[in-house]
């Protein structure tokens, strides 16, 4: 029960741009490919990735994708 409360209390909504980046990460796009697709710099993609990981409290792409499927984000 406590674990479930921690997850829901810690859930910070992702921005539309972060969701776009997340969907491309799920499709195995590299930072460069994401940047090209979204017309942003690779540095901006890195920042979005960092923010997504922080908001979802995950520390790897595997954990992030698991989180995304559990929360129906992709």
PDB file of N, CA and C in Angstrom:
ATOM      1  N   UNK A   1       0.831  -1.197   0.000  1.00  0.00           N
ATOM      2  CA  UNK A   1       0.000   0.000   0.000  1.00  0.00           C
ATOM      3  C   UNK A   1       0.868   1.251   0.000  1.00  0.00           C
ATOM      4  N   UNK A   2       1.898   1.252   0.849  1.00  0.00           N
ATOM      5  CA  UNK A   2       2.764   2.420   0.935  1.00  0.00           C
ATOM      6  C   UNK A   2       3.447   2.712  -0.397  1.00  0.00           C
ATOM      7  N   UNK A   3       3.904   1.654  -1.084  1.00  0.00           N
ATOM      8  CA  UNK A   3       4.576   1.820  -2.365  1.00  0.00           C
ATOM      9  C   UNK A   3       3.641   2.476  -3.384  1.00  0.00           C
ATOM     10  N   UNK A   4       2.382   2.062  -3.394  1.00  0.00           N
ATOM     11  CA  UNK A   4       1.407   2.634  -4.315  1.00  0.00           C
ATOM     12  C   UNK A   4       1.176   4.114  -3.999  1.00  0.00           C
ATOM     13  N   UNK A   5       1.104   4.463  -2.732  1.00  0.00           N
ATOM     14  CA  UNK A   5       0.921   5.855  -2.342  1.00  0.00           C
ATOM     15  C   UNK A   5       2.117   6.693  -2.763  1.00  0.00           C
ATOM     16  N   UNK A   6       3.326   6.155  -2.623  1.00  0.00           N
ATOM     17  CA  UNK A   6       4.517   6.884  -3.022  1.00  0.00           C
ATOM     18  C   UNK A   6       4.496   7.176  -4.514  1.00  0.00           C
ATOM     19  N   UNK A   7       4.092   6.190  -5.309  1.00  0.00           N
ATOM     20  CA  UNK A   7       4.036   6.376  -6.754  1.00  0.00           C
ATOM     21  C   UNK A   7       3.044   7.470  -7.128  1.00  0.00           C
ATOM     22  N   UNK A   8       1.834   7.398  -6.580  1.00  0.00           N
ATOM     23  CA  UNK A   8       0.824   8.373  -6.957  1.00  0.00           C
ATOM     24  C   UNK A   8       1.147   9.762  -6.422  1.00  0.00           C
ATOM     25  N   UNK A   9       1.714   9.836  -5.236  1.00  0.00           N
ATOM     26  CA  UNK A   9       2.072  11.134  -4.665  1.00  0.00           C
ATOM     27  C   UNK A   9       3.224  11.760  -5.430  1.00  0.00           C
ATOM     28  N   UNK A  10       4.104  10.941  -5.984  1.00  0.00           N
ATOM     29  CA  UNK A  10       5.288  11.448  -6.668  1.00  0.00           C
ATOM     30  C   UNK A  10       5.025  11.740  -8.142  1.00  0.00           C
ATOM     31  N   UNK A  11       3.869  11.356  -8.652  1.00  0.00           N
ATOM     32  CA  UNK A  11       3.587  11.530 -10.071  1.00  0.00           C
ATOM     33  C   UNK A  11       3.469  13.007 -10.425  1.00  0.00           C
ATOM     34  N   UNK A  12       4.416  13.461 -11.214  1.00  0.00           N
ATOM     35  CA  UNK A  12       4.405  14.837 -11.711  1.00  0.00           C
ATOM     36  C   UNK A  12       4.080  14.742 -13.201  1.00  0.00           C
ATOM     37  N   UNK A  13       3.066  15.458 -13.644  1.00  0.00           N
ATOM     38  CA  UNK A  13       2.679  15.329 -15.051  1.00  0.00           C
ATOM     39  C   UNK A  13       3.796  15.772 -16.001  1.00  0.00           C
ATOM     40  N   UNK A  14       3.915  15.048 -17.104  1.00  0.00           N
ATOM     41  CA  UNK A  14       4.888  15.401 -18.128  1.00  0.00           C
ATOM     42  C   UNK A  14       4.268  16.423 -19.069  1.00  0.00           C
ATOM     43  N   UNK A  15       5.114  17.303 -19.600  1.00  0.00           N
ATOM     44  CA  UNK A  15       4.633  18.275 -20.581  1.00  0.00           C
ATOM     45  C   UNK A  15       4.380  17.568 -21.906  1.00  0.00           C
ATOM     46  N   UNK A  16       3.699  18.239 -22.810  1.00  0.00           N
ATOM     47  CA  UNK A  16       3.440  17.670 -24.133  1.00  0.00           C
ATOM     48  C   UNK A  16       4.756  17.335 -24.839  1.00  0.00           C
ATOM     49  N   UNK A  17       5.747  18.220 -24.734  1.00  0.00           N
ATOM     50  CA  UNK A  17       7.039  17.993 -25.382  1.00  0.00           C
ATOM     51  C   UNK A  17       7.751  16.798 -24.756  1.00  0.00           C
ATOM     52  N   UNK A  18       7.673  16.667 -23.452  1.00  0.00           N
ATOM     53  CA  UNK A  18       8.278  15.518 -22.785  1.00  0.00           C
ATOM     54  C   UNK A  18       7.602  14.220 -23.228  1.00  0.00           C
ATOM     55  N   UNK A  19       6.299  14.258 -23.406  1.00  0.00           N
ATOM     56  CA  UNK A  19       5.584  13.075 -23.899  1.00  0.00           C
ATOM     57  C   UNK A  19       6.022  12.721 -25.320  1.00  0.00           C
ATOM     58  N   UNK A  20       6.243  13.750 -26.158  1.00  0.00           N
ATOM     59  CA  UNK A  20       6.734  13.499 -27.516  1.00  0.00           C
ATOM     60  C   UNK A  20       8.105  12.831 -27.468  1.00  0.00           C
ATOM     61  N   UNK A  21       8.982  13.354 -26.618  1.00  0.00           N
ATOM     62  CA  UNK A  21      10.318  12.776 -26.467  1.00  0.00           C
ATOM     63  C   UNK A  21      10.204  11.348 -25.949  1.00  0.00           C
ATOM     64  N   UNK A  22       9.374  11.127 -24.964  1.00  0.00           N
ATOM     65  CA  UNK A  22       9.180   9.791 -24.397  1.00  0.00           C
ATOM     66  C   UNK A  22       8.730   8.802 -25.468  1.00  0.00           C
ATOM     67  N   UNK A  23       7.795   9.200 -26.300  1.00  0.00           N
ATOM     68  CA  UNK A  23       7.293   8.305 -27.354  1.00  0.00           C
ATOM     69  C   UNK A  23       8.395   7.950 -28.351  1.00  0.00           C
ATOM     70  N   UNK A  24       9.276   8.898 -28.628  1.00  0.00           N
ATOM     71  CA  UNK A  24      10.387   8.620 -29.541  1.00  0.00           C
ATOM     72  C   UNK A  24      11.453   7.753 -28.865  1.00  0.00           C
ATOM     73  N   UNK A  25      11.657   7.945 -27.578  1.00  0.00           N
ATOM     74  CA  UNK A  25      12.572   7.070 -26.832  1.00  0.00           C
ATOM     75  C   UNK A  25      12.047   5.641 -26.894  1.00  0.00           C
ATOM     76  N   UNK A  26      10.745   5.488 -26.734  1.00  0.00           N
ATOM     77  CA  UNK A  26      10.121   4.165 -26.767  1.00  0.00           C
ATOM     78  C   UNK A  26      10.315   3.504 -28.129  1.00  0.00           C
ATOM     79  N   UNK A  27      10.423   4.313 -29.193  1.00  0.00           N
ATOM     80  CA  UNK A  27      10.651   3.795 -30.542  1.00  0.00           C
ATOM     81  C   UNK A  27      12.144   3.598 -30.832  1.00  0.00           C
ATOM     82  N   UNK A  28      12.972   3.734 -29.781  1.00  0.00           N
ATOM     83  CA  UNK A  28      14.421   3.515 -29.858  1.00  0.00           C
ATOM     84  C   UNK A  28      15.161   4.556 -30.691  1.00  0.00           C
ATOM     85  N   UNK A  29      14.644   5.782 -30.744  1.00  0.00           N
ATOM     86  CA  UNK A  29      15.337   6.859 -31.432  1.00  0.00           C
ATOM     87  C   UNK A  29      16.497   7.342 -30.577  1.00  0.00           C
ATOM     88  N   UNK A  30      17.586   7.724 -31.213  1.00  0.00           N
ATOM     89  CA  UNK A  30      18.726   8.314 -30.502  1.00  0.00           C
ATOM     90  C   UNK A  30      18.412   9.779 -30.208  1.00  0.00           C
ATOM     91  N   UNK A  31      19.235  10.400 -29.366  1.00  0.00           N
ATOM     92  CA  UNK A  31      19.043  11.827 -29.080  1.00  0.00           C
ATOM     93  C   UNK A  31      19.095  12.645 -30.370  1.00  0.00           C
ATOM     94  N   UNK A  32      20.019  12.300 -31.243  1.00  0.00           N
ATOM     95  CA  UNK A  32      20.160  13.038 -32.503  1.00  0.00           C
ATOM     96  C   UNK A  32      18.908  12.884 -33.370  1.00  0.00           C
ATOM     97  N   UNK A  33      18.382  11.672 -33.441  1.00  0.00           N
ATOM     98  CA  UNK A  33      17.169  11.432 -34.225  1.00  0.00           C
ATOM     99  C   UNK A  33      15.966  12.156 -33.626  1.00  0.00           C
ATOM    100  N   UNK A  34      15.872  12.157 -32.310  1.00  0.00           N
ATOM    101  CA  UNK A  34      14.778  12.876 -31.641  1.00  0.00           C
ATOM    102  C   UNK A  34      14.891  14.367 -31.943  1.00  0.00           C
ATOM    103  N   UNK A  35      16.105  14.908 -31.824  1.00  0.00           N
ATOM    104  CA  UNK A  35      16.330  16.328 -32.086  1.00  0.00           C
ATOM    105  C   UNK A  35      15.917  16.685 -33.512  1.00  0.00           C
ATOM    106  N   UNK A  36      16.300  15.866 -34.462  1.00  0.00           N
ATOM    107  CA  UNK A  36      15.958  16.109 -35.869  1.00  0.00           C
ATOM    108  C   UNK A  36      14.451  16.070 -36.075  1.00  0.00           C
ATOM    109  N   UNK A  37      13.798  15.070 -35.501  1.00  0.00           N
ATOM    110  CA  UNK A  37      12.346  14.924 -35.655  1.00  0.00           C
ATOM    111  C   UNK A  37      11.561  16.071 -35.045  1.00  0.00           C
ATOM    112  N   UNK A  38      12.035  16.582 -33.913  1.00  0.00           N
ATOM    113  CA  UNK A  38      11.295  17.627 -33.195  1.00  0.00           C
ATOM    114  C   UNK A  38      11.821  19.033 -33.460  1.00  0.00           C
ATOM    115  N   UNK A  39      12.844  19.133 -34.313  1.00  0.00           N
ATOM    116  CA  UNK A  39      13.435  20.427 -34.659  1.00  0.00           C
ATOM    117  C   UNK A  39      13.955  21.174 -33.433  1.00  0.00           C
ATOM    118  N   UNK A  40      14.661  20.426 -32.576  1.00  0.00           N
ATOM    119  CA  UNK A  40      15.290  20.999 -31.390  1.00  0.00           C
ATOM    120  C   UNK A  40      16.734  20.517 -31.337  1.00  0.00           C
ATOM    121  N   UNK A  41      17.526  21.085 -30.457  1.00  0.00           N
ATOM    122  CA  UNK A  41      18.929  20.671 -30.348  1.00  0.00           C
ATOM    123  C   UNK A  41      19.055  19.381 -29.543  1.00  0.00           C
ATOM    124  N   UNK A  42      20.185  18.703 -29.728  1.00  0.00           N
ATOM    125  CA  UNK A  42      20.440  17.495 -28.945  1.00  0.00           C
ATOM    126  C   UNK A  42      20.517  17.829 -27.460  1.00  0.00           C
ATOM    127  N   UNK A  43      21.063  18.986 -27.148  1.00  0.00           N
ATOM    128  CA  UNK A  43      21.160  19.418 -25.750  1.00  0.00           C
ATOM    129  C   UNK A  43      19.762  19.534 -25.123  1.00  0.00           C
ATOM    130  N   UNK A  44      18.815  20.053 -25.884  1.00  0.00           N
ATOM    131  CA  UNK A  44      17.438  20.171 -25.392  1.00  0.00           C
ATOM    132  C   UNK A  44      16.834  18.781 -25.171  1.00  0.00           C
ATOM    133  N   UNK A  45      17.128  17.851 -26.061  1.00  0.00           N
ATOM    134  CA  UNK A  45      16.653  16.477 -25.886  1.00  0.00           C
ATOM    135  C   UNK A  45      17.216  15.902 -24.592  1.00  0.00           C
ATOM    136  N   UNK A  46      18.517  16.121 -24.352  1.00  0.00           N
ATOM    137  CA  UNK A  46      19.146  15.633 -23.119  1.00  0.00           C
ATOM    138  C   UNK A  46      18.462  16.209 -21.886  1.00  0.00           C
ATOM    139  N   UNK A  47      18.118  17.482 -21.950  1.00  0.00           N
ATOM    140  CA  UNK A  47      17.425  18.128 -20.827  1.00  0.00           C
ATOM    141  C   UNK A  47      16.045  17.513 -20.621  1.00  0.00           C
ATOM    142  N   UNK A  48      15.322  17.292 -21.713  1.00  0.00           N
ATOM    143  CA  UNK A  48      13.998  16.651 -21.604  1.00  0.00           C
ATOM    144  C   UNK A  48      14.127  15.256 -20.998  1.00  0.00           C
ATOM    145  N   UNK A  49      15.119  14.472 -21.456  1.00  0.00           N
ATOM    146  CA  UNK A  49      15.338  13.131 -20.914  1.00  0.00           C
ATOM    147  C   UNK A  49      15.584  13.194 -19.406  1.00  0.00           C
ATOM    148  N   UNK A  50      16.450  14.104 -19.003  1.00  0.00           N
ATOM    149  CA  UNK A  50      16.778  14.258 -17.583  1.00  0.00           C
ATOM    150  C   UNK A  50      15.526  14.601 -16.781  1.00  0.00           C
ATOM    151  N   UNK A  51      14.724  15.524 -17.292  1.00  0.00           N
ATOM    152  CA  UNK A  51      13.492  15.919 -16.598  1.00  0.00           C
ATOM    153  C   UNK A  51      12.478  14.781 -16.543  1.00  0.00           C
ATOM    154  N   UNK A  52      12.373  14.026 -17.623  1.00  0.00           N
ATOM    155  CA  UNK A  52      11.451  12.884 -17.662  1.00  0.00           C
ATOM    156  C   UNK A  52      11.860  11.846 -16.616  1.00  0.00           C
ATOM    157  N   UNK A  53      13.154  11.531 -16.568  1.00  0.00           N
ATOM    158  CA  UNK A  53      13.641  10.552 -15.589  1.00  0.00           C
ATOM    159  C   UNK A  53      13.381  11.033 -14.159  1.00  0.00           C
ATOM    160  N   UNK A  54      13.602  12.324 -13.923  1.00  0.00           N
ATOM    161  CA  UNK A  54      13.374  12.882 -12.584  1.00  0.00           C
ATOM    162  C   UNK A  54      11.893  12.816 -12.223  1.00  0.00           C
ATOM    163  N   UNK A  55      11.039  13.235 -13.123  1.00  0.00           N
ATOM    164  CA  UNK A  55       9.602  13.266 -12.844  1.00  0.00           C
ATOM    165  C   UNK A  55       9.012  11.872 -12.654  1.00  0.00           C
ATOM    166  N   UNK A  56       9.533  10.899 -13.369  1.00  0.00           N
ATOM    167  CA  UNK A  56       9.014   9.537 -13.273  1.00  0.00           C
ATOM    168  C   UNK A  56       9.742   8.723 -12.214  1.00  0.00           C
ATOM    169  N   UNK A  57      10.753   9.320 -11.613  1.00  0.00           N
ATOM    170  CA  UNK A  57      11.576   8.664 -10.589  1.00  0.00           C
ATOM    171  C   UNK A  57      12.143   7.344 -11.093  1.00  0.00           C
ATOM    172  N   UNK A  58      12.637   7.369 -12.335  1.00  0.00           N
ATOM    173  CA  UNK A  58      13.300   6.210 -12.917  1.00  0.00           C
ATOM    174  C   UNK A  58      14.758   6.577 -13.176  1.00  0.00           C
ATOM    175  N   UNK A  59      15.582   5.551 -13.353  1.00  0.00           N
ATOM    176  CA  UNK A  59      17.007   5.838 -13.538  1.00  0.00           C
ATOM    177  C   UNK A  59      17.583   5.211 -14.799  1.00  0.00           C
ATOM    178  N   UNK A  60      16.734   4.575 -15.603  1.00  0.00           N
ATOM    179  CA  UNK A  60      17.212   3.967 -16.840  1.00  0.00           C
ATOM    180  C   UNK A  60      16.090   3.988 -17.878  1.00  0.00           C
ATOM    181  N   UNK A  61      16.470   3.744 -19.115  1.00  0.00           N
ATOM    182  CA  UNK A  61      15.473   3.703 -20.183  1.00  0.00           C
ATOM    183  C   UNK A  61      14.497   2.548 -19.954  1.00  0.00           C
ATOM    184  N   UNK A  62      15.009   1.418 -19.486  1.00  0.00           N
ATOM    185  CA  UNK A  62      14.141   0.265 -19.213  1.00  0.00           C
ATOM    186  C   UNK A  62      13.087   0.642 -18.167  1.00  0.00           C
ATOM    187  N   UNK A  63      13.523   1.264 -17.077  1.00  0.00           N
ATOM    188  CA  UNK A  63      12.597   1.691 -16.036  1.00  0.00           C
ATOM    189  C   UNK A  63      11.606   2.714 -16.554  1.00  0.00           C
ATOM    190  N   UNK A  64      12.090   3.608 -17.406  1.00  0.00           N
ATOM    191  CA  UNK A  64      11.237   4.643 -17.980  1.00  0.00           C
ATOM    192  C   UNK A  64      10.153   4.033 -18.857  1.00  0.00           C
ATOM    193  N   UNK A  65      10.533   3.100 -19.708  1.00  0.00           N
ATOM    194  CA  UNK A  65       9.554   2.467 -20.597  1.00  0.00           C
ATOM    195  C   UNK A  65       8.545   1.660 -19.785  1.00  0.00           C
ATOM    196  N   UNK A  66       9.022   0.980 -18.763  1.00  0.00           N
ATOM    197  CA  UNK A  66       8.116   0.236 -17.874  1.00  0.00           C
ATOM    198  C   UNK A  66       7.110   1.209 -17.247  1.00  0.00           C
ATOM    199  N   UNK A  67       7.594   2.336 -16.742  1.00  0.00           N
ATOM    200  CA  UNK A  67       6.731   3.361 -16.149  1.00  0.00           C
ATOM    201  C   UNK A  67       5.710   3.852 -17.184  1.00  0.00           C
ATOM    202  N   UNK A  68       6.190   4.114 -18.405  1.00  0.00           N
ATOM    203  CA  UNK A  68       5.315   4.641 -19.463  1.00  0.00           C
ATOM    204  C   UNK A  68       4.185   3.668 -19.775  1.00  0.00           C
ATOM    205  N   UNK A  69       4.489   2.367 -19.842  1.00  0.00           N
ATOM    206  CA  UNK A  69       3.440   1.382 -20.124  1.00  0.00           C
ATOM    207  C   UNK A  69       2.482   1.253 -18.945  1.00  0.00           C
ATOM    208  N   UNK A  70       3.024   1.244 -17.726  1.00  0.00           N
ATOM    209  CA  UNK A  70       2.170   1.127 -16.535  1.00  0.00           C
ATOM    210  C   UNK A  70       1.198   2.297 -16.421  1.00  0.00           C
ATOM    211  N   UNK A  71       1.634   3.485 -16.862  1.00  0.00           N
ATOM    212  CA  UNK A  71       0.801   4.687 -16.747  1.00  0.00           C
ATOM    213  C   UNK A  71       0.127   5.068 -18.071  1.00  0.00           C
ATOM    214  N   UNK A  72       0.210   4.138 -19.038  1.00  0.00           N
ATOM    215  CA  UNK A  72      -0.440   4.322 -20.347  1.00  0.00           C
ATOM    216  C   UNK A  72      -0.045   5.635 -21.033  1.00  0.00           C
ATOM    217  N   UNK A  73       1.265   5.938 -21.001  1.00  0.00           N
ATOM    218  CA  UNK A  73       1.769   7.147 -21.651  1.00  0.00           C
ATOM    219  C   UNK A  73       2.186   6.893 -23.096  1.00  0.00           C
ATOM    220  N   UNK A  74       2.362   5.621 -23.439  1.00  0.00           N
ATOM    221  CA  UNK A  74       2.713   5.267 -24.826  1.00  0.00           C
ATOM    222  C   UNK A  74       1.763   4.195 -25.323  1.00  0.00           C
TER     223      UNK A  74
END
